[in-house]
């Protein structure tokens, strides 16, 4: 039976996808397409189609997802406030498990700064370890890193240890993205700074900055995302997948701002009624 050129190519892509999944477990290199050679080395190479690049193996999900969530869910603010001031942040102030509430409740700037540093490092250090150690083959490591970033933030915002009541996720996000795509952090800070200058309300500025960053993320070209991604991350060729990863992070952050946003609206309505 003879295969047409298109059918043969499709069959090869299918077999290649199976090799890619298998290689994520056993560490072998997938076979290249016989018709494509590297110009410099003469080695067989091949470009993975887009629908294969977003395919996550079980290994990647376990490595990035579980590790990310467990590290992210360490309640830094709760532990530090309890240790330094004997206070339970779940019952004090805004009840948010974060640096700002820790500072406002304890009245000590040093505690707020310590919590902020811990939350940033909680995002930065795991990403740095993945980037330097690069467990598994490159494809598996990249997939795991793309899963690690949002699960770090998910763990911070919804920690299992505190019955899924955590912080807003901003500091941990900044730490995680600082070693992957720093301009993403700078864009958020820029929008936040402008908004807060126009209206001095922290939660309002955070929401506007997050929504603005999400909209920009959706419209900017993939090649711009890849060009601004640090080489150490290994994700310079994974712009589409990185866009999804960062987008999920922003949605998680926004989910933790629903409550303060509704509180802000209710306060405004009450003020209008009283006037």
Protein backbone atom coordinates (compact mmCIF):
# COMPACT_ATOMS: atom_id res chain seq x y z
CA UNK A 1 0.00 0.00 0.00
CA UNK A 2 1.40 3.37 -1.01
CA UNK A 3 1.04 6.44 1.17
CA UNK A 4 0.60 9.92 -0.22
CA UNK A 5 3.16 12.53 0.78
CA UNK A 6 0.67 14.28 3.10
CA UNK A 7 -0.44 11.01 4.73
CA UNK A 8 3.16 9.95 5.26
CA UNK A 9 4.03 13.27 6.89
CA UNK A 10 0.99 13.08 9.19
CA UNK A 11 1.88 9.52 10.20
CA UNK A 12 5.45 10.58 10.95
CA UNK A 13 4.20 13.51 13.13
CA UNK A 14 2.01 11.10 15.06
CA UNK A 15 4.91 8.69 15.70
CA UNK A 16 7.13 11.64 16.60
CA UNK A 17 4.62 12.82 19.23
CA UNK A 18 4.71 9.37 20.86
CA UNK A 19 8.50 9.52 20.91
CA UNK A 20 8.34 12.96 22.54
CA UNK A 21 6.15 11.69 25.37
CA UNK A 22 8.28 8.57 25.81
CA UNK A 23 11.48 10.65 25.95
CA UNK A 24 10.10 12.73 28.82
CA UNK A 25 10.12 9.60 30.97
CA UNK A 26 13.24 7.76 29.86
CA UNK A 27 15.43 10.71 28.89
CA UNK A 28 16.06 9.67 25.29
CA UNK A 29 16.11 12.04 22.37
CA UNK A 30 13.22 11.80 19.90
CA UNK A 31 14.03 10.77 16.37
CA UNK A 32 14.35 13.53 13.81
CA UNK A 33 12.73 13.76 10.44
CA UNK A 34 14.95 12.10 7.85
CA UNK A 35 14.43 14.94 5.41
CA UNK A 36 15.77 17.69 7.69
CA UNK A 37 19.42 18.21 8.63
CA UNK A 38 21.10 20.76 10.90
CA UNK A 39 23.24 22.99 8.65
CA UNK A 40 26.08 23.28 11.18
CA UNK A 41 26.34 19.76 12.59
CA UNK A 42 24.61 17.64 10.00
CA UNK A 43 22.45 16.14 12.73
CA UNK A 44 18.84 15.29 12.03
CA UNK A 45 16.46 17.94 13.40
CA UNK A 46 12.82 18.74 13.27
CA UNK A 47 10.41 21.46 14.44
CA UNK A 48 7.62 20.23 16.70
CA UNK A 49 4.19 21.38 15.46
CA UNK A 50 2.30 23.88 17.62
CA UNK A 51 -0.33 21.39 18.80
CA UNK A 52 2.46 19.18 20.21
CA UNK A 53 4.26 22.00 22.05
CA UNK A 54 1.37 22.50 24.45
CA UNK A 55 1.08 18.79 25.25
CA UNK A 56 2.07 18.21 28.88
CA UNK A 57 3.34 14.86 30.07
CA UNK A 58 2.41 13.38 33.42
CA UNK A 59 6.02 13.80 34.49
CA UNK A 60 5.87 17.56 33.84
CA UNK A 61 2.61 17.96 35.71
CA UNK A 62 3.95 16.09 38.73
CA UNK A 63 7.32 17.80 38.72
CA UNK A 64 6.09 21.35 38.19
CA UNK A 65 2.55 21.23 39.54
CA UNK A 66 2.92 19.45 42.85
CA UNK A 67 6.29 20.98 43.74
CA UNK A 68 5.03 24.45 42.78
CA UNK A 69 1.80 24.19 44.76
CA UNK A 70 3.43 22.81 47.92
CA UNK A 71 6.16 25.47 47.97
CA UNK A 72 3.74 28.26 47.08
CA UNK A 73 1.34 27.23 49.83
CA UNK A 74 3.91 27.79 52.59
CA UNK A 75 2.13 30.61 54.50
CA UNK A 76 5.08 32.96 54.99
CA UNK A 77 3.04 35.89 56.30
CA UNK A 78 1.08 33.72 58.74
CA UNK A 79 4.24 32.08 60.11
CA UNK A 80 6.21 35.34 60.47
CA UNK A 81 3.33 37.29 62.08
CA UNK A 82 2.72 34.43 64.51
CA UNK A 83 6.43 34.16 65.31
CA UNK A 84 7.24 37.86 65.61
CA UNK A 85 4.01 39.28 67.03
CA UNK A 86 1.91 36.31 68.16
CA UNK A 87 -0.92 37.33 65.85
CA UNK A 88 -3.11 35.23 63.57
CA UNK A 89 -3.51 37.17 60.32
CA UNK A 90 -6.65 35.18 59.51
CA UNK A 91 -8.38 36.99 62.35
CA UNK A 92 -6.74 40.42 62.09
CA UNK A 93 -7.06 43.43 59.78
CA UNK A 94 -8.12 42.56 56.25
CA UNK A 95 -7.45 38.87 57.08
CA UNK A 96 -5.26 38.65 54.01
CA UNK A 97 -2.17 36.46 54.38
CA UNK A 98 0.26 38.95 52.90
CA UNK A 99 2.90 41.59 53.55
CA UNK A 100 0.56 44.58 53.64
CA UNK A 101 -1.79 43.10 56.24
CA UNK A 102 1.18 41.88 58.29
CA UNK A 103 2.56 45.42 58.37
CA UNK A 104 -0.78 47.09 59.13
CA UNK A 105 -1.72 44.62 61.89
CA UNK A 106 1.64 44.56 63.66
CA UNK A 107 2.51 48.19 63.01
CA UNK A 108 6.10 47.11 62.29
CA UNK A 109 7.60 47.88 58.92
CA UNK A 110 10.34 45.30 59.48
CA UNK A 111 7.75 42.50 59.69
CA UNK A 112 6.06 43.68 56.50
CA UNK A 113 9.41 43.80 54.70
CA UNK A 114 10.36 40.34 55.97
CA UNK A 115 7.07 38.89 54.71
CA UNK A 116 7.49 40.63 51.36
CA UNK A 117 11.00 39.24 50.94
CA UNK A 118 9.84 35.73 51.89
CA UNK A 119 6.94 35.83 49.41
CA UNK A 120 9.19 37.08 46.58
CA UNK A 121 11.79 34.39 47.30
CA UNK A 122 9.03 31.78 47.39
CA UNK A 123 8.48 32.49 43.70
CA UNK A 124 12.06 33.24 42.69
CA UNK A 125 14.04 30.38 44.25
CA UNK A 126 12.03 27.42 42.86
CA UNK A 127 12.19 28.93 39.36
CA UNK A 128 15.94 29.51 39.73
CA UNK A 129 16.49 25.91 40.88
CA UNK A 130 14.53 24.56 37.89
CA UNK A 131 16.47 26.81 35.50
CA UNK A 132 19.89 25.80 36.87
CA UNK A 133 19.29 22.13 37.68
CA UNK A 134 17.11 21.48 34.61
CA UNK A 135 15.78 18.09 35.75
CA UNK A 136 14.92 15.71 32.94
CA UNK A 137 15.35 16.49 29.26
CA UNK A 138 14.93 20.10 27.97
CA UNK A 139 11.36 19.58 26.73
CA UNK A 140 10.21 18.12 30.05
CA UNK A 141 11.96 20.86 32.05
CA UNK A 142 10.37 23.62 29.97
CA UNK A 143 6.92 22.08 30.37
CA UNK A 144 7.47 21.67 34.11
CA UNK A 145 8.59 25.30 34.43
CA UNK A 146 5.49 26.50 32.58
CA UNK A 147 3.37 24.57 35.09
CA UNK A 148 5.51 25.57 38.08
CA UNK A 149 4.94 29.33 37.67
CA UNK A 150 1.13 29.38 37.98
CA UNK A 151 1.04 26.65 40.64
CA UNK A 152 3.43 28.64 42.84
CA UNK A 153 0.95 31.51 42.73
CA UNK A 154 -2.02 29.15 43.15
CA UNK A 155 -0.43 27.69 46.29
CA UNK A 156 0.21 31.16 47.71
CA UNK A 157 -3.35 32.33 47.06
CA UNK A 158 -5.08 29.09 48.07
CA UNK A 159 -2.80 27.23 50.55
CA UNK A 160 -4.04 23.85 51.71
CA UNK A 161 -2.49 24.45 55.16
CA UNK A 162 -4.80 27.43 55.84
CA UNK A 163 -7.94 25.93 54.31
CA UNK A 164 -7.27 27.65 50.98
CA UNK A 165 -7.19 31.17 52.46
CA UNK A 166 -3.99 32.91 51.38
CA UNK A 167 -2.59 36.11 49.95
CA UNK A 168 -3.13 38.08 46.74
CA UNK A 169 -0.18 36.49 44.90
CA UNK A 170 1.54 39.66 43.68
CA UNK A 171 4.91 39.25 45.41
CA UNK A 172 5.21 35.57 44.54
CA UNK A 173 4.34 36.34 40.91
CA UNK A 174 7.01 39.05 40.77
CA UNK A 175 9.58 36.61 42.10
CA UNK A 176 8.63 33.82 39.70
CA UNK A 177 8.58 36.02 36.57
CA UNK A 178 11.72 38.01 37.46
CA UNK A 179 13.87 35.17 36.11
CA UNK A 180 11.62 34.37 33.15
CA UNK A 181 10.18 37.58 31.69
CA UNK A 182 11.06 40.70 33.76
CA UNK A 183 9.25 43.13 31.38
CA UNK A 184 5.95 41.46 32.36
CA UNK A 185 6.58 42.52 35.97
CA UNK A 186 7.64 46.03 34.92
CA UNK A 187 4.49 46.50 32.81
CA UNK A 188 2.29 45.52 35.76
CA UNK A 189 4.18 47.89 38.09
CA UNK A 190 3.92 50.72 35.57
CA UNK A 191 0.15 50.38 35.18
CA UNK A 192 -0.22 50.00 38.96
CA UNK A 193 1.83 53.14 39.64
CA UNK A 194 -0.11 55.27 37.15
CA UNK A 195 -3.49 54.02 38.42
CA UNK A 196 -2.62 54.50 42.08
CA UNK A 197 -1.44 58.02 41.34
CA UNK A 198 -4.81 58.81 39.75
CA UNK A 199 -6.80 57.09 42.49
CA UNK A 200 -5.13 56.25 45.76
CA UNK A 201 -6.68 52.83 46.35
CA UNK A 202 -4.44 49.75 46.51
CA UNK A 203 -6.98 47.13 45.46
CA UNK A 204 -8.41 49.24 42.66
CA UNK A 205 -4.92 49.86 41.28
CA UNK A 206 -4.06 46.15 41.55
CA UNK A 207 -7.19 45.14 39.65
CA UNK A 208 -6.64 47.70 36.88
CA UNK A 209 -2.96 46.70 36.58
CA UNK A 210 -3.84 43.00 36.37
CA UNK A 211 -6.61 43.51 33.81
CA UNK A 212 -4.40 45.84 31.78
CA UNK A 213 -1.51 43.37 31.84
CA UNK A 214 -3.83 40.56 30.76
CA UNK A 215 -5.17 42.56 27.81
CA UNK A 216 -1.66 43.48 26.70
CA UNK A 217 -0.61 39.85 27.03
CA UNK A 218 -3.40 38.84 24.64
CA UNK A 219 -2.56 41.38 21.93
CA UNK A 220 1.23 41.59 21.86
CA UNK A 221 2.98 39.41 19.25
CA UNK A 222 4.40 36.04 20.27
CA UNK A 223 7.83 37.01 18.95
CA UNK A 224 7.89 39.98 21.35
CA UNK A 225 7.19 37.67 24.30
CA UNK A 226 9.98 35.38 23.16
CA UNK A 227 12.38 38.30 22.60
CA UNK A 228 11.85 39.58 26.16
CA UNK A 229 12.16 36.12 27.76
CA UNK A 230 15.46 35.44 29.52
CA UNK A 231 17.72 32.80 27.99
CA UNK A 232 18.30 31.16 31.38
CA UNK A 233 14.64 30.09 31.43
CA UNK A 234 14.98 28.04 28.25
CA UNK A 235 11.56 29.34 27.16
CA UNK A 236 12.65 31.68 24.37
CA UNK A 237 10.99 29.42 21.79
CA UNK A 238 7.85 28.82 23.85
CA UNK A 239 6.11 32.18 23.57
CA UNK A 240 2.63 30.73 23.06
CA UNK A 241 2.87 28.44 26.06
CA UNK A 242 4.42 31.19 28.22
CA UNK A 243 1.55 33.48 27.29
CA UNK A 244 -0.91 30.87 28.58
CA UNK A 245 1.14 30.33 31.76
CA UNK A 246 1.28 34.05 32.59
CA UNK A 247 -2.38 34.47 31.65
CA UNK A 248 -3.36 31.78 34.18
CA UNK A 249 -1.27 33.56 36.82
CA UNK A 250 -3.12 36.84 36.22
CA UNK A 251 -6.51 35.11 36.43
CA UNK A 252 -5.51 33.56 39.78
CA UNK A 253 -4.49 37.02 41.05
CA UNK A 254 -7.79 38.53 39.89
CA UNK A 255 -9.74 35.77 41.66
CA UNK A 256 -8.22 36.92 44.96
CA UNK A 257 -9.24 40.53 44.27
CA UNK A 258 -12.94 39.81 43.81
CA UNK A 259 -13.72 40.17 47.52
CA UNK A 260 -11.88 43.51 48.05
CA UNK A 261 -13.40 44.80 44.80
CA UNK A 262 -16.93 44.03 46.01
CA UNK A 263 -16.11 45.60 49.37
CA UNK A 264 -14.93 48.73 47.56
CA UNK A 265 -18.17 48.89 45.57
CA UNK A 266 -20.31 48.43 48.68
CA UNK A 267 -18.38 51.15 50.51
CA UNK A 268 -18.93 53.51 47.61
CA UNK A 269 -22.67 52.76 47.52
CA UNK A 270 -22.96 53.33 51.26
CA UNK A 271 -21.16 56.65 50.95
CA UNK A 272 -23.53 57.74 48.18
CA UNK A 273 -26.59 56.71 50.20
CA UNK A 274 -25.39 58.65 53.25
CA UNK A 275 -24.82 61.75 51.19
